[in-house]
């Protein structure tokens, strides 16, 4: 079977664009000519209440899903037929045999552009952080989640004012998003940083807590400029 898709329900939200962060619910079956709707053995199911998140158009998922959700609108549902060359190929995986054609029904739960962003939660009154300064900071870090309250997904790291993180600003000692996002803060200030994967840990992530292509959310506090 060739690649193809059919809209089961048109969404009324925005249309996805390259680079957007998406949340999808889906069920996948092995394609079976003899089965009703060609749905053979079900091999995976992800419910709307706990959708999978990925960045569209960067190769984070199989090509059949990247191509299949193109043009969808948030709230829509689509049936996608994925041949082996756009799925798991000749090797398959632990759920899918080699050379398998797949059928997916996908619901686009949420989608948004999530660019680099800094928001001051509290402006400090102390010394200003500049490149080359040695800083002491407290912070909390979450994996960015489109659907979580305040976008706070799973916590991956944190430290406190009593045991602050120390680093030199602007010399590559931290991820690029921190070097860009912390500069200009004043001691006593608090700032929210939204950091896309290309300014964080990239396509590889940082296992076990930061998955590949993860957008990160930090709330940081500048304790001291040393």
N, C-alpha and C. Protein backbone atom coordinates (compact mmCIF):
# COMPACT_ATOMS: atom_id res chain seq x y z
N UNK A 1 0.84 -1.20 0.00
CA UNK A 1 0.00 0.00 0.00
C UNK A 1 0.88 1.25 0.00
N UNK A 2 0.51 2.24 -0.81
CA UNK A 2 1.26 3.50 -0.79
C UNK A 2 0.85 4.36 0.40
N UNK A 3 1.67 5.36 0.68
CA UNK A 3 1.35 6.34 1.71
C UNK A 3 0.07 7.08 1.34
N UNK A 4 -0.77 7.35 2.35
CA UNK A 4 -1.99 8.13 2.11
C UNK A 4 -2.65 8.48 3.43
N UNK A 5 -3.54 9.46 3.37
CA UNK A 5 -4.27 9.83 4.59
C UNK A 5 -5.67 10.30 4.24
N UNK A 6 -6.55 10.16 5.23
CA UNK A 6 -7.95 10.59 5.10
C UNK A 6 -8.34 11.32 6.37
N UNK A 7 -8.91 12.49 6.22
CA UNK A 7 -9.38 13.22 7.40
C UNK A 7 -10.68 12.60 7.90
N UNK A 8 -10.68 12.21 9.18
CA UNK A 8 -11.87 11.67 9.82
C UNK A 8 -12.69 12.78 10.46
N UNK A 9 -12.01 13.83 10.85
CA UNK A 9 -12.67 14.99 11.46
C UNK A 9 -11.78 16.21 11.25
N UNK A 10 -12.33 17.27 10.68
CA UNK A 10 -11.56 18.49 10.47
C UNK A 10 -11.43 19.24 11.78
N UNK A 11 -10.22 19.66 12.09
CA UNK A 11 -10.02 20.47 13.28
C UNK A 11 -10.41 21.92 13.03
N UNK A 12 -10.66 22.64 14.09
CA UNK A 12 -11.02 24.05 13.99
C UNK A 12 -9.92 24.97 14.52
N UNK A 13 -8.83 24.37 15.02
CA UNK A 13 -7.73 25.16 15.54
C UNK A 13 -6.75 25.55 14.45
N UNK A 14 -5.59 26.08 14.85
CA UNK A 14 -4.59 26.50 13.86
C UNK A 14 -3.98 25.31 13.13
N UNK A 15 -3.52 25.56 11.92
CA UNK A 15 -2.86 24.53 11.11
C UNK A 15 -1.40 24.43 11.52
N UNK A 16 -0.92 23.19 11.62
CA UNK A 16 0.46 22.98 12.08
C UNK A 16 1.46 23.55 11.09
N UNK A 17 2.57 24.01 11.61
CA UNK A 17 3.66 24.53 10.80
C UNK A 17 4.96 23.90 11.24
N UNK A 18 5.94 23.88 10.33
CA UNK A 18 7.24 23.28 10.66
C UNK A 18 7.81 23.90 11.92
N UNK A 19 8.33 23.04 12.77
CA UNK A 19 8.96 23.50 14.01
C UNK A 19 8.02 23.61 15.18
N UNK A 20 6.71 23.47 14.95
CA UNK A 20 5.77 23.56 16.07
C UNK A 20 5.93 22.37 17.00
N UNK A 21 5.62 22.60 18.25
CA UNK A 21 5.51 21.52 19.23
C UNK A 21 4.08 21.00 19.17
N UNK A 22 3.92 19.69 18.98
CA UNK A 22 2.60 19.07 18.85
C UNK A 22 2.37 18.05 19.94
N UNK A 23 1.11 17.87 20.30
CA UNK A 23 0.70 16.79 21.20
C UNK A 23 -0.35 15.98 20.46
N UNK A 24 -0.10 14.67 20.32
CA UNK A 24 -1.03 13.81 19.57
C UNK A 24 -1.41 12.58 20.39
N UNK A 25 -2.66 12.17 20.20
CA UNK A 25 -3.13 10.87 20.66
C UNK A 25 -3.27 10.00 19.41
N UNK A 26 -3.03 8.70 19.56
CA UNK A 26 -3.09 7.86 18.35
C UNK A 26 -3.19 6.40 18.72
N UNK A 27 -3.69 5.64 17.75
CA UNK A 27 -3.67 4.18 17.81
C UNK A 27 -3.05 3.68 16.52
N UNK A 28 -2.21 2.65 16.62
CA UNK A 28 -1.56 2.09 15.45
C UNK A 28 -1.87 0.61 15.30
N UNK A 29 -2.13 0.20 14.05
CA UNK A 29 -2.40 -1.20 13.73
C UNK A 29 -1.49 -1.65 12.59
N UNK A 30 -1.20 -2.93 12.53
CA UNK A 30 -0.58 -3.49 11.33
C UNK A 30 -1.61 -3.52 10.22
N UNK A 31 -1.23 -3.07 9.04
CA UNK A 31 -2.15 -3.07 7.90
C UNK A 31 -2.47 -4.50 7.49
N UNK A 32 -3.78 -4.79 7.34
CA UNK A 32 -4.25 -6.13 6.99
C UNK A 32 -5.34 -5.99 5.95
N UNK A 33 -5.06 -6.47 4.73
CA UNK A 33 -6.03 -6.36 3.63
C UNK A 33 -7.37 -6.98 3.99
N UNK A 34 -7.36 -8.06 4.79
CA UNK A 34 -8.59 -8.81 5.06
C UNK A 34 -9.38 -8.27 6.24
N UNK A 35 -8.77 -7.39 7.05
CA UNK A 35 -9.42 -6.92 8.28
C UNK A 35 -10.32 -5.72 8.01
N UNK A 36 -11.30 -5.54 8.86
CA UNK A 36 -12.19 -4.38 8.75
C UNK A 36 -11.36 -3.10 8.85
N UNK A 37 -11.58 -2.18 7.89
CA UNK A 37 -10.81 -0.93 7.82
C UNK A 37 -9.32 -1.17 7.73
N UNK A 38 -8.94 -2.40 7.34
CA UNK A 38 -7.53 -2.79 7.22
C UNK A 38 -6.77 -2.74 8.54
N UNK A 39 -7.49 -2.76 9.64
CA UNK A 39 -6.88 -2.70 10.97
C UNK A 39 -6.59 -4.12 11.45
N UNK A 40 -5.33 -4.52 11.31
CA UNK A 40 -4.92 -5.82 11.82
C UNK A 40 -4.61 -5.74 13.30
N UNK A 41 -3.52 -6.32 13.70
CA UNK A 41 -3.16 -6.32 15.12
C UNK A 41 -2.79 -4.92 15.60
N UNK A 42 -3.42 -4.49 16.69
CA UNK A 42 -3.07 -3.21 17.30
C UNK A 42 -1.71 -3.35 18.00
N UNK A 43 -0.81 -2.40 17.74
CA UNK A 43 0.51 -2.49 18.37
C UNK A 43 0.82 -1.32 19.31
N UNK A 44 0.01 -0.27 19.27
CA UNK A 44 0.25 0.84 20.18
C UNK A 44 -1.01 1.69 20.30
N UNK A 45 -1.20 2.30 21.47
CA UNK A 45 -2.33 3.21 21.66
C UNK A 45 -1.94 4.24 22.72
N UNK A 46 -2.09 5.51 22.38
CA UNK A 46 -1.76 6.62 23.27
C UNK A 46 -3.02 7.47 23.43
N UNK A 47 -3.57 7.57 24.65
CA UNK A 47 -4.87 8.22 24.84
C UNK A 47 -4.78 9.74 24.83
N UNK A 48 -5.88 10.44 24.56
CA UNK A 48 -5.88 11.91 24.57
C UNK A 48 -5.52 12.51 25.92
N UNK A 49 -5.79 11.78 26.99
CA UNK A 49 -5.48 12.30 28.31
C UNK A 49 -4.00 12.30 28.65
N UNK A 50 -3.21 11.57 27.87
CA UNK A 50 -1.76 11.51 28.10
C UNK A 50 -1.05 11.42 26.75
N UNK A 51 -1.18 12.47 25.93
CA UNK A 51 -0.68 12.41 24.55
C UNK A 51 0.84 12.44 24.48
N UNK A 52 1.36 11.99 23.35
CA UNK A 52 2.78 12.12 23.06
C UNK A 52 3.07 13.50 22.49
N UNK A 53 4.24 14.03 22.81
CA UNK A 53 4.64 15.34 22.34
C UNK A 53 5.86 15.20 21.45
N UNK A 54 5.90 15.95 20.35
CA UNK A 54 7.08 15.95 19.48
C UNK A 54 7.12 17.25 18.69
N UNK A 55 8.30 17.56 18.18
CA UNK A 55 8.45 18.76 17.35
C UNK A 55 8.29 18.37 15.89
N UNK A 56 7.36 19.00 15.23
CA UNK A 56 6.96 18.65 13.87
C UNK A 56 8.03 19.07 12.86
N UNK A 57 8.33 18.14 11.95
CA UNK A 57 9.17 18.47 10.81
C UNK A 57 10.66 18.39 11.03
N UNK A 58 11.10 17.81 12.16
CA UNK A 58 12.55 17.74 12.43
C UNK A 58 13.05 16.30 12.47
N UNK A 59 12.18 15.34 12.13
CA UNK A 59 12.61 13.94 12.12
C UNK A 59 12.57 13.26 13.46
N UNK A 60 11.83 13.80 14.39
CA UNK A 60 11.76 13.21 15.72
C UNK A 60 10.90 11.95 15.73
N UNK A 61 9.96 11.85 14.78
CA UNK A 61 9.08 10.68 14.66
C UNK A 61 9.29 10.05 13.29
N UNK A 62 8.68 8.90 13.03
CA UNK A 62 8.81 8.27 11.72
C UNK A 62 8.29 9.22 10.64
N UNK A 63 8.85 9.10 9.45
CA UNK A 63 8.50 10.01 8.35
C UNK A 63 7.02 9.98 8.02
N UNK A 64 6.40 8.81 8.16
CA UNK A 64 4.98 8.70 7.84
C UNK A 64 4.10 9.55 8.74
N UNK A 65 4.50 9.71 10.00
CA UNK A 65 3.75 10.58 10.90
C UNK A 65 4.05 12.04 10.60
N UNK A 66 5.33 12.39 10.41
CA UNK A 66 5.67 13.77 10.06
C UNK A 66 4.93 14.21 8.80
N UNK A 67 4.92 13.36 7.77
CA UNK A 67 4.23 13.71 6.54
C UNK A 67 2.71 13.66 6.72
N UNK A 68 2.26 12.72 7.55
CA UNK A 68 0.83 12.50 7.68
C UNK A 68 0.08 13.56 8.46
N UNK A 69 0.74 14.25 9.38
CA UNK A 69 0.05 15.29 10.14
C UNK A 69 0.16 16.65 9.48
N UNK A 70 0.97 16.77 8.42
CA UNK A 70 1.09 18.05 7.71
C UNK A 70 -0.28 18.50 7.23
N UNK A 71 -0.60 19.75 7.48
CA UNK A 71 -1.89 20.30 7.06
C UNK A 71 -3.02 20.08 8.04
N UNK A 72 -2.82 19.29 9.09
CA UNK A 72 -3.86 19.11 10.08
C UNK A 72 -4.06 20.39 10.88
N UNK A 73 -5.25 20.51 11.45
CA UNK A 73 -5.56 21.59 12.37
C UNK A 73 -5.82 21.01 13.75
N UNK A 74 -5.48 21.77 14.77
CA UNK A 74 -5.69 21.31 16.13
C UNK A 74 -7.16 20.95 16.33
N UNK A 75 -7.39 19.79 16.93
CA UNK A 75 -8.75 19.26 17.10
C UNK A 75 -9.14 18.26 16.04
N UNK A 76 -8.32 18.12 15.00
CA UNK A 76 -8.63 17.21 13.91
C UNK A 76 -8.22 15.78 14.19
N UNK A 77 -8.81 14.86 13.41
CA UNK A 77 -8.47 13.44 13.47
C UNK A 77 -8.20 12.96 12.05
N UNK A 78 -7.20 12.11 11.90
CA UNK A 78 -6.80 11.67 10.56
C UNK A 78 -6.37 10.21 10.59
N UNK A 79 -6.73 9.50 9.53
CA UNK A 79 -6.25 8.12 9.30
C UNK A 79 -5.06 8.22 8.35
N UNK A 80 -3.96 7.56 8.72
CA UNK A 80 -2.73 7.62 7.94
C UNK A 80 -2.26 6.21 7.66
N UNK A 81 -2.03 5.91 6.39
CA UNK A 81 -1.45 4.62 5.99
C UNK A 81 0.03 4.85 5.70
N UNK A 82 0.88 4.09 6.40
CA UNK A 82 2.32 4.32 6.36
C UNK A 82 3.02 3.07 5.83
N UNK A 83 3.59 3.15 4.62
CA UNK A 83 4.34 1.99 4.10
C UNK A 83 5.66 1.83 4.84
N UNK A 84 6.32 0.67 4.67
CA UNK A 84 7.53 0.40 5.46
C UNK A 84 8.62 1.45 5.31
N UNK A 85 8.79 2.00 4.10
CA UNK A 85 9.89 2.94 3.91
C UNK A 85 9.66 4.26 4.64
N UNK A 86 8.43 4.54 5.07
CA UNK A 86 8.13 5.73 5.87
C UNK A 86 7.82 5.36 7.31
N UNK A 87 7.95 4.05 7.62
CA UNK A 87 7.67 3.58 8.97
C UNK A 87 8.94 3.05 9.63
N UNK A 88 8.95 1.73 9.89
CA UNK A 88 10.07 1.14 10.60
C UNK A 88 10.94 0.26 9.71
N UNK A 89 10.72 0.33 8.39
CA UNK A 89 11.60 -0.28 7.41
C UNK A 89 11.66 -1.79 7.48
N UNK A 90 12.72 -2.32 6.91
CA UNK A 90 12.91 -3.77 6.83
C UNK A 90 13.20 -4.39 8.19
N UNK A 91 13.74 -3.57 9.10
CA UNK A 91 14.12 -4.13 10.40
C UNK A 91 12.97 -4.17 11.40
N UNK A 92 11.97 -3.29 11.24
CA UNK A 92 10.90 -3.21 12.23
C UNK A 92 11.44 -2.75 13.57
N UNK A 93 10.69 -3.05 14.63
CA UNK A 93 11.16 -2.79 15.99
C UNK A 93 10.53 -3.83 16.92
N UNK A 94 10.57 -3.59 18.21
CA UNK A 94 10.06 -4.61 19.13
C UNK A 94 8.55 -4.74 19.09
N UNK A 95 7.84 -3.78 18.46
CA UNK A 95 6.38 -3.84 18.35
C UNK A 95 5.91 -4.15 16.94
N UNK A 96 6.75 -3.86 15.96
CA UNK A 96 6.35 -3.92 14.55
C UNK A 96 7.30 -4.84 13.79
N UNK A 97 6.79 -5.83 13.04
CA UNK A 97 7.68 -6.70 12.27
C UNK A 97 8.30 -5.95 11.08
N UNK A 98 9.34 -6.51 10.53
CA UNK A 98 9.99 -5.90 9.38
C UNK A 98 9.06 -5.81 8.18
N UNK A 99 9.25 -4.76 7.39
CA UNK A 99 8.50 -4.53 6.15
C UNK A 99 6.99 -4.41 6.36
N UNK A 100 6.59 -3.93 7.54
CA UNK A 100 5.16 -3.81 7.84
C UNK A 100 4.60 -2.46 7.37
N UNK A 101 3.45 -2.53 6.71
CA UNK A 101 2.66 -1.33 6.46
C UNK A 101 1.76 -1.11 7.67
N UNK A 102 1.60 0.15 8.04
CA UNK A 102 0.91 0.50 9.28
C UNK A 102 -0.30 1.38 9.00
N UNK A 103 -1.27 1.29 9.88
CA UNK A 103 -2.43 2.19 9.86
C UNK A 103 -2.47 2.92 11.20
N UNK A 104 -2.54 4.25 11.13
CA UNK A 104 -2.67 5.06 12.34
C UNK A 104 -3.95 5.88 12.27
N UNK A 105 -4.60 6.04 13.41
CA UNK A 105 -5.61 7.08 13.56
C UNK A 105 -5.07 8.06 14.60
N UNK A 106 -4.90 9.30 14.16
CA UNK A 106 -4.20 10.31 14.95
C UNK A 106 -5.15 11.46 15.27
N UNK A 107 -5.17 11.88 16.54
CA UNK A 107 -5.90 13.08 16.95
C UNK A 107 -4.89 14.13 17.36
N UNK A 108 -5.00 15.32 16.75
CA UNK A 108 -4.10 16.42 17.10
C UNK A 108 -4.69 17.17 18.29
N UNK A 109 -4.16 16.90 19.47
CA UNK A 109 -4.71 17.44 20.71
C UNK A 109 -4.33 18.89 20.90
N UNK A 110 -3.09 19.24 20.58
CA UNK A 110 -2.61 20.60 20.77
C UNK A 110 -1.43 20.85 19.85
N UNK A 111 -1.18 22.11 19.56
CA UNK A 111 -0.03 22.47 18.75
C UNK A 111 0.22 23.97 18.85
N UNK A 112 1.50 24.32 18.90
CA UNK A 112 1.84 25.74 19.01
C UNK A 112 3.31 25.93 18.66
N UNK A 113 3.61 27.11 18.16
CA UNK A 113 5.00 27.52 18.04
C UNK A 113 5.50 27.85 19.44
N UNK A 114 6.65 27.34 19.81
CA UNK A 114 7.19 27.59 21.15
C UNK A 114 8.62 28.11 20.98
N UNK A 115 8.79 29.41 20.74
CA UNK A 115 10.12 29.96 20.52
C UNK A 115 10.84 30.26 21.83
N UNK A 116 12.10 30.61 21.72
CA UNK A 116 12.87 31.09 22.87
C UNK A 116 12.18 32.32 23.46
N UNK A 117 12.09 32.34 24.80
CA UNK A 117 11.36 33.44 25.45
C UNK A 117 11.90 33.66 26.85
N UNK A 118 11.98 34.91 27.26
CA UNK A 118 12.31 35.25 28.64
C UNK A 118 11.24 36.19 29.17
N UNK A 119 10.79 35.92 30.39
CA UNK A 119 9.79 36.76 31.05
C UNK A 119 10.27 37.02 32.47
N UNK A 120 10.37 38.27 32.84
CA UNK A 120 10.76 38.60 34.21
C UNK A 120 9.56 38.40 35.14
N UNK A 121 9.73 37.52 36.12
CA UNK A 121 8.72 37.30 37.13
C UNK A 121 8.88 38.28 38.29
N UNK A 122 10.12 38.69 38.49
CA UNK A 122 10.43 39.70 39.51
C UNK A 122 11.74 40.36 39.10
N UNK A 123 11.73 41.67 38.97
CA UNK A 123 12.93 42.40 38.58
C UNK A 123 13.76 42.66 39.83
N UNK A 124 15.03 42.27 39.78
CA UNK A 124 15.91 42.47 40.92
C UNK A 124 16.38 43.90 41.03
N UNK A 125 16.95 44.22 42.17
CA UNK A 125 17.44 45.59 42.41
C UNK A 125 18.95 45.62 42.63
N UNK A 126 19.60 44.46 42.52
CA UNK A 126 21.04 44.39 42.77
C UNK A 126 21.86 44.52 41.51
N UNK A 127 23.08 44.03 41.57
CA UNK A 127 24.03 44.14 40.47
C UNK A 127 23.53 43.37 39.24
N UNK A 128 23.80 43.92 38.06
CA UNK A 128 23.34 43.31 36.81
C UNK A 128 24.34 42.27 36.31
N UNK A 129 23.81 41.13 35.82
CA UNK A 129 24.65 40.06 35.28
C UNK A 129 25.11 40.40 33.87
N UNK A 130 26.42 40.32 33.65
CA UNK A 130 27.00 40.59 32.35
C UNK A 130 27.89 39.42 31.95
N UNK A 131 28.12 39.29 30.64
CA UNK A 131 28.99 38.21 30.16
C UNK A 131 30.37 38.31 30.82
N UNK A 132 30.85 37.17 31.27
CA UNK A 132 32.12 37.10 31.98
C UNK A 132 31.98 37.09 33.48
N UNK A 133 30.79 37.42 34.00
CA UNK A 133 30.57 37.41 35.44
C UNK A 133 30.42 35.98 35.95
N UNK A 134 30.86 35.76 37.17
CA UNK A 134 30.61 34.49 37.88
C UNK A 134 29.32 34.68 38.68
N UNK A 135 28.34 33.80 38.42
CA UNK A 135 27.01 33.95 39.01
C UNK A 135 26.68 32.79 39.93
N UNK A 136 25.85 33.09 40.93
CA UNK A 136 25.23 32.06 41.77
C UNK A 136 23.73 32.13 41.54
N UNK A 137 23.12 30.98 41.21
CA UNK A 137 21.71 30.97 40.85
C UNK A 137 20.98 29.79 41.47
N UNK A 138 19.72 30.02 41.81
CA UNK A 138 18.79 28.95 42.13
C UNK A 138 17.87 28.77 40.93
N UNK A 139 17.40 27.55 40.71
CA UNK A 139 16.53 27.33 39.55
C UNK A 139 15.71 26.07 39.72
N UNK A 140 14.67 25.99 38.92
CA UNK A 140 13.87 24.77 38.76
C UNK A 140 13.69 24.57 37.26
N UNK A 141 13.90 23.33 36.79
CA UNK A 141 13.78 23.02 35.37
C UNK A 141 12.75 21.94 35.10
N UNK A 142 11.90 22.21 34.10
CA UNK A 142 10.87 21.25 33.68
C UNK A 142 11.00 20.99 32.18
N UNK A 143 10.60 19.83 31.73
CA UNK A 143 10.37 19.61 30.31
C UNK A 143 9.08 20.33 29.94
N UNK A 144 9.14 21.19 28.93
CA UNK A 144 7.98 21.99 28.52
C UNK A 144 6.86 21.08 28.03
N UNK A 145 5.66 21.31 28.54
CA UNK A 145 4.49 20.50 28.20
C UNK A 145 3.36 21.43 27.78
N UNK A 146 2.89 21.27 26.54
CA UNK A 146 1.83 22.13 26.02
C UNK A 146 0.58 22.12 26.88
N UNK A 147 0.29 21.00 27.53
CA UNK A 147 -1.00 20.82 28.20
C UNK A 147 -0.92 20.94 29.72
N UNK A 148 0.27 20.98 30.28
CA UNK A 148 0.41 21.04 31.73
C UNK A 148 0.17 22.46 32.25
N UNK A 149 -0.30 22.61 33.49
CA UNK A 149 -0.44 23.95 34.07
C UNK A 149 0.88 24.71 34.03
N UNK A 150 0.83 25.94 33.50
CA UNK A 150 2.03 26.76 33.33
C UNK A 150 3.09 26.08 32.49
N UNK A 151 2.67 25.06 31.72
CA UNK A 151 3.57 24.31 30.82
C UNK A 151 4.66 23.54 31.57
N UNK A 152 4.45 23.30 32.86
CA UNK A 152 5.43 22.58 33.67
C UNK A 152 5.21 21.09 33.54
N UNK A 153 6.01 20.45 32.71
CA UNK A 153 5.95 19.01 32.57
C UNK A 153 6.77 18.34 33.67
N UNK A 154 7.52 17.31 33.31
CA UNK A 154 8.31 16.59 34.30
C UNK A 154 9.50 17.43 34.76
N UNK A 155 9.71 17.47 36.07
CA UNK A 155 10.90 18.12 36.62
C UNK A 155 12.13 17.29 36.27
N UNK A 156 13.20 17.96 35.81
CA UNK A 156 14.44 17.22 35.55
C UNK A 156 15.60 17.69 36.42
N UNK A 157 15.50 18.88 37.02
CA UNK A 157 16.59 19.34 37.87
C UNK A 157 16.14 20.56 38.65
N UNK A 158 16.79 20.80 39.80
CA UNK A 158 16.52 22.01 40.58
C UNK A 158 17.64 22.20 41.60
N UNK A 159 17.78 23.44 42.04
CA UNK A 159 18.68 23.76 43.13
C UNK A 159 18.14 24.97 43.86
N UNK A 160 18.63 25.21 45.06
CA UNK A 160 18.06 26.23 45.93
C UNK A 160 19.06 27.35 46.21
N UNK A 161 18.55 28.43 46.81
CA UNK A 161 19.41 29.54 47.19
C UNK A 161 20.43 29.12 48.24
N UNK A 162 20.09 28.11 49.04
CA UNK A 162 21.02 27.62 50.07
C UNK A 162 22.15 26.78 49.46
N UNK A 163 21.92 26.24 48.29
CA UNK A 163 22.94 25.43 47.61
C UNK A 163 22.92 25.81 46.13
N UNK A 164 23.32 27.04 45.80
CA UNK A 164 23.13 27.56 44.44
C UNK A 164 24.06 26.93 43.41
N UNK A 165 23.66 27.05 42.17
CA UNK A 165 24.48 26.64 41.03
C UNK A 165 25.37 27.81 40.65
N UNK A 166 26.66 27.54 40.44
CA UNK A 166 27.61 28.60 40.12
C UNK A 166 28.23 28.34 38.75
N UNK A 167 28.32 29.39 37.94
CA UNK A 167 28.89 29.27 36.60
C UNK A 167 29.31 30.65 36.11
N UNK A 168 30.09 30.69 35.05
CA UNK A 168 30.49 31.94 34.43
C UNK A 168 29.62 32.19 33.21
N UNK A 169 29.01 33.34 33.14
CA UNK A 169 28.05 33.68 32.09
C UNK A 169 28.77 34.03 30.78
N UNK A 170 28.23 33.49 29.68
CA UNK A 170 28.68 33.90 28.36
C UNK A 170 29.92 33.22 27.83
N UNK A 171 30.35 32.13 28.46
CA UNK A 171 31.56 31.44 27.99
C UNK A 171 31.27 30.00 27.58
N UNK A 172 30.00 29.63 27.47
CA UNK A 172 29.64 28.28 27.06
C UNK A 172 29.67 27.26 28.18
N UNK A 173 29.66 27.72 29.42
CA UNK A 173 29.66 26.80 30.55
C UNK A 173 28.30 26.16 30.78
N UNK A 174 27.26 26.75 30.19
CA UNK A 174 25.89 26.27 30.32
C UNK A 174 25.28 26.20 28.93
N UNK A 175 24.06 25.69 28.83
CA UNK A 175 23.39 25.65 27.53
C UNK A 175 23.22 27.07 26.99
N UNK A 176 23.12 27.19 25.67
CA UNK A 176 23.04 28.50 25.02
C UNK A 176 21.84 29.30 25.53
N UNK A 177 20.72 28.61 25.77
CA UNK A 177 19.53 29.31 26.24
C UNK A 177 19.73 30.01 27.57
N UNK A 178 20.59 29.45 28.43
CA UNK A 178 20.92 30.13 29.69
C UNK A 178 21.83 31.33 29.44
N UNK A 179 22.87 31.16 28.62
CA UNK A 179 23.75 32.28 28.33
C UNK A 179 22.97 33.46 27.75
N UNK A 180 21.99 33.16 26.89
CA UNK A 180 21.18 34.23 26.30
C UNK A 180 20.13 34.76 27.27
N UNK A 181 19.57 33.86 28.09
CA UNK A 181 18.40 34.23 28.89
C UNK A 181 18.70 34.87 30.22
N UNK A 182 19.90 34.65 30.75
CA UNK A 182 20.23 35.16 32.08
C UNK A 182 20.86 36.55 32.02
N UNK A 183 21.55 36.85 30.91
CA UNK A 183 22.22 38.14 30.79
C UNK A 183 21.21 39.28 31.00
N UNK A 184 21.61 40.28 31.76
CA UNK A 184 20.74 41.42 32.04
C UNK A 184 19.92 41.29 33.30
N UNK A 185 19.87 40.10 33.90
CA UNK A 185 19.18 39.96 35.18
C UNK A 185 19.93 40.74 36.27
N UNK A 186 19.18 41.14 37.30
CA UNK A 186 19.80 41.78 38.46
C UNK A 186 19.62 40.88 39.68
N UNK A 187 20.57 40.98 40.60
CA UNK A 187 20.51 40.17 41.81
C UNK A 187 19.17 40.40 42.52
N UNK A 188 18.55 39.29 42.91
CA UNK A 188 17.22 39.34 43.51
C UNK A 188 16.11 39.12 42.51
N UNK A 189 16.46 39.09 41.23
CA UNK A 189 15.45 38.90 40.19
C UNK A 189 15.13 37.45 39.92
N UNK A 190 13.93 37.23 39.40
CA UNK A 190 13.48 35.90 38.99
C UNK A 190 12.99 35.99 37.56
N UNK A 191 13.29 34.96 36.76
CA UNK A 191 12.97 35.00 35.34
C UNK A 191 12.53 33.62 34.86
N UNK A 192 11.54 33.61 33.97
CA UNK A 192 11.09 32.39 33.31
C UNK A 192 11.77 32.31 31.95
N UNK A 193 12.39 31.17 31.67
CA UNK A 193 13.06 30.94 30.40
C UNK A 193 12.39 29.77 29.67
N UNK A 194 11.97 29.97 28.43
CA UNK A 194 11.50 28.89 27.56
C UNK A 194 12.57 28.68 26.51
N UNK A 195 13.13 27.46 26.47
CA UNK A 195 14.32 27.21 25.66
C UNK A 195 14.07 26.05 24.71
N UNK A 196 13.95 26.32 23.40
CA UNK A 196 13.79 25.23 22.42
C UNK A 196 15.02 24.33 22.39
N UNK A 197 14.85 23.15 21.82
CA UNK A 197 15.91 22.14 21.87
C UNK A 197 17.21 22.62 21.25
N UNK A 198 17.13 23.46 20.19
CA UNK A 198 18.36 23.87 19.52
C UNK A 198 19.21 24.81 20.38
N UNK A 199 18.63 25.36 21.44
CA UNK A 199 19.38 26.18 22.40
C UNK A 199 19.58 25.45 23.72
N UNK A 200 19.23 24.15 23.72
CA UNK A 200 19.35 23.34 24.94
C UNK A 200 20.19 22.11 24.64
N UNK A 201 19.58 20.91 24.68
CA UNK A 201 20.35 19.68 24.51
C UNK A 201 20.12 19.00 23.17
N UNK A 202 19.46 19.71 22.24
CA UNK A 202 19.40 19.29 20.86
C UNK A 202 18.68 17.99 20.59
N UNK A 203 19.06 17.36 19.49
CA UNK A 203 18.41 16.13 19.05
C UNK A 203 18.71 14.95 19.97
N UNK A 204 19.81 15.02 20.69
CA UNK A 204 20.20 13.89 21.55
C UNK A 204 19.49 13.91 22.89
N UNK A 205 19.11 15.10 23.38
CA UNK A 205 18.59 15.20 24.73
C UNK A 205 19.70 14.92 25.74
N UNK A 206 19.28 14.65 26.96
CA UNK A 206 20.24 14.31 28.01
C UNK A 206 19.56 13.30 28.93
N UNK A 207 19.75 12.06 28.60
CA UNK A 207 19.09 10.98 29.34
C UNK A 207 19.63 10.89 30.77
N UNK A 208 18.79 10.45 31.72
CA UNK A 208 17.47 9.85 31.46
C UNK A 208 16.29 10.82 31.54
N UNK A 209 16.50 12.09 31.90
CA UNK A 209 15.36 12.95 32.21
C UNK A 209 14.99 13.94 31.11
N UNK A 210 15.89 14.21 30.18
CA UNK A 210 15.59 15.17 29.12
C UNK A 210 15.55 14.41 27.80
N UNK A 211 14.38 14.26 27.20
CA UNK A 211 14.28 13.46 25.98
C UNK A 211 14.83 14.22 24.77
N UNK A 212 15.06 13.52 23.66
CA UNK A 212 15.50 14.19 22.44
C UNK A 212 14.53 15.30 22.01
N UNK A 213 15.08 16.36 21.47
CA UNK A 213 14.31 17.49 20.93
C UNK A 213 13.46 18.20 21.98
N UNK A 214 13.80 18.07 23.25
CA UNK A 214 12.96 18.62 24.31
C UNK A 214 13.09 20.14 24.39
N UNK A 215 11.94 20.81 24.46
CA UNK A 215 11.89 22.21 24.85
C UNK A 215 11.87 22.25 26.38
N UNK A 216 12.65 23.14 26.95
CA UNK A 216 12.79 23.20 28.41
C UNK A 216 12.21 24.50 28.96
N UNK A 217 11.75 24.40 30.19
CA UNK A 217 11.22 25.55 30.92
C UNK A 217 11.98 25.68 32.22
N UNK A 218 12.51 26.88 32.47
CA UNK A 218 13.21 27.15 33.72
C UNK A 218 12.59 28.35 34.40
N UNK A 219 12.59 28.31 35.73
CA UNK A 219 12.40 29.52 36.51
C UNK A 219 13.68 29.68 37.32
N UNK A 220 14.38 30.81 37.09
CA UNK A 220 15.71 31.01 37.66
C UNK A 220 15.71 32.26 38.55
N UNK A 221 16.55 32.23 39.57
CA UNK A 221 16.71 33.36 40.48
C UNK A 221 18.20 33.68 40.60
N UNK A 222 18.54 34.94 40.40
CA UNK A 222 19.93 35.35 40.51
C UNK A 222 20.22 35.70 41.97
N UNK A 223 21.06 34.89 42.60
CA UNK A 223 21.39 35.05 44.01
C UNK A 223 22.53 36.04 44.21
N UNK A 224 23.57 35.93 43.36
CA UNK A 224 24.73 36.80 43.54
C UNK A 224 25.53 36.90 42.27
N UNK A 225 26.17 38.04 42.08
CA UNK A 225 27.21 38.24 41.07
C UNK A 225 28.52 38.28 41.82
N UNK A 226 29.37 37.28 41.59
CA UNK A 226 30.58 37.12 42.41
C UNK A 226 31.79 37.80 41.76
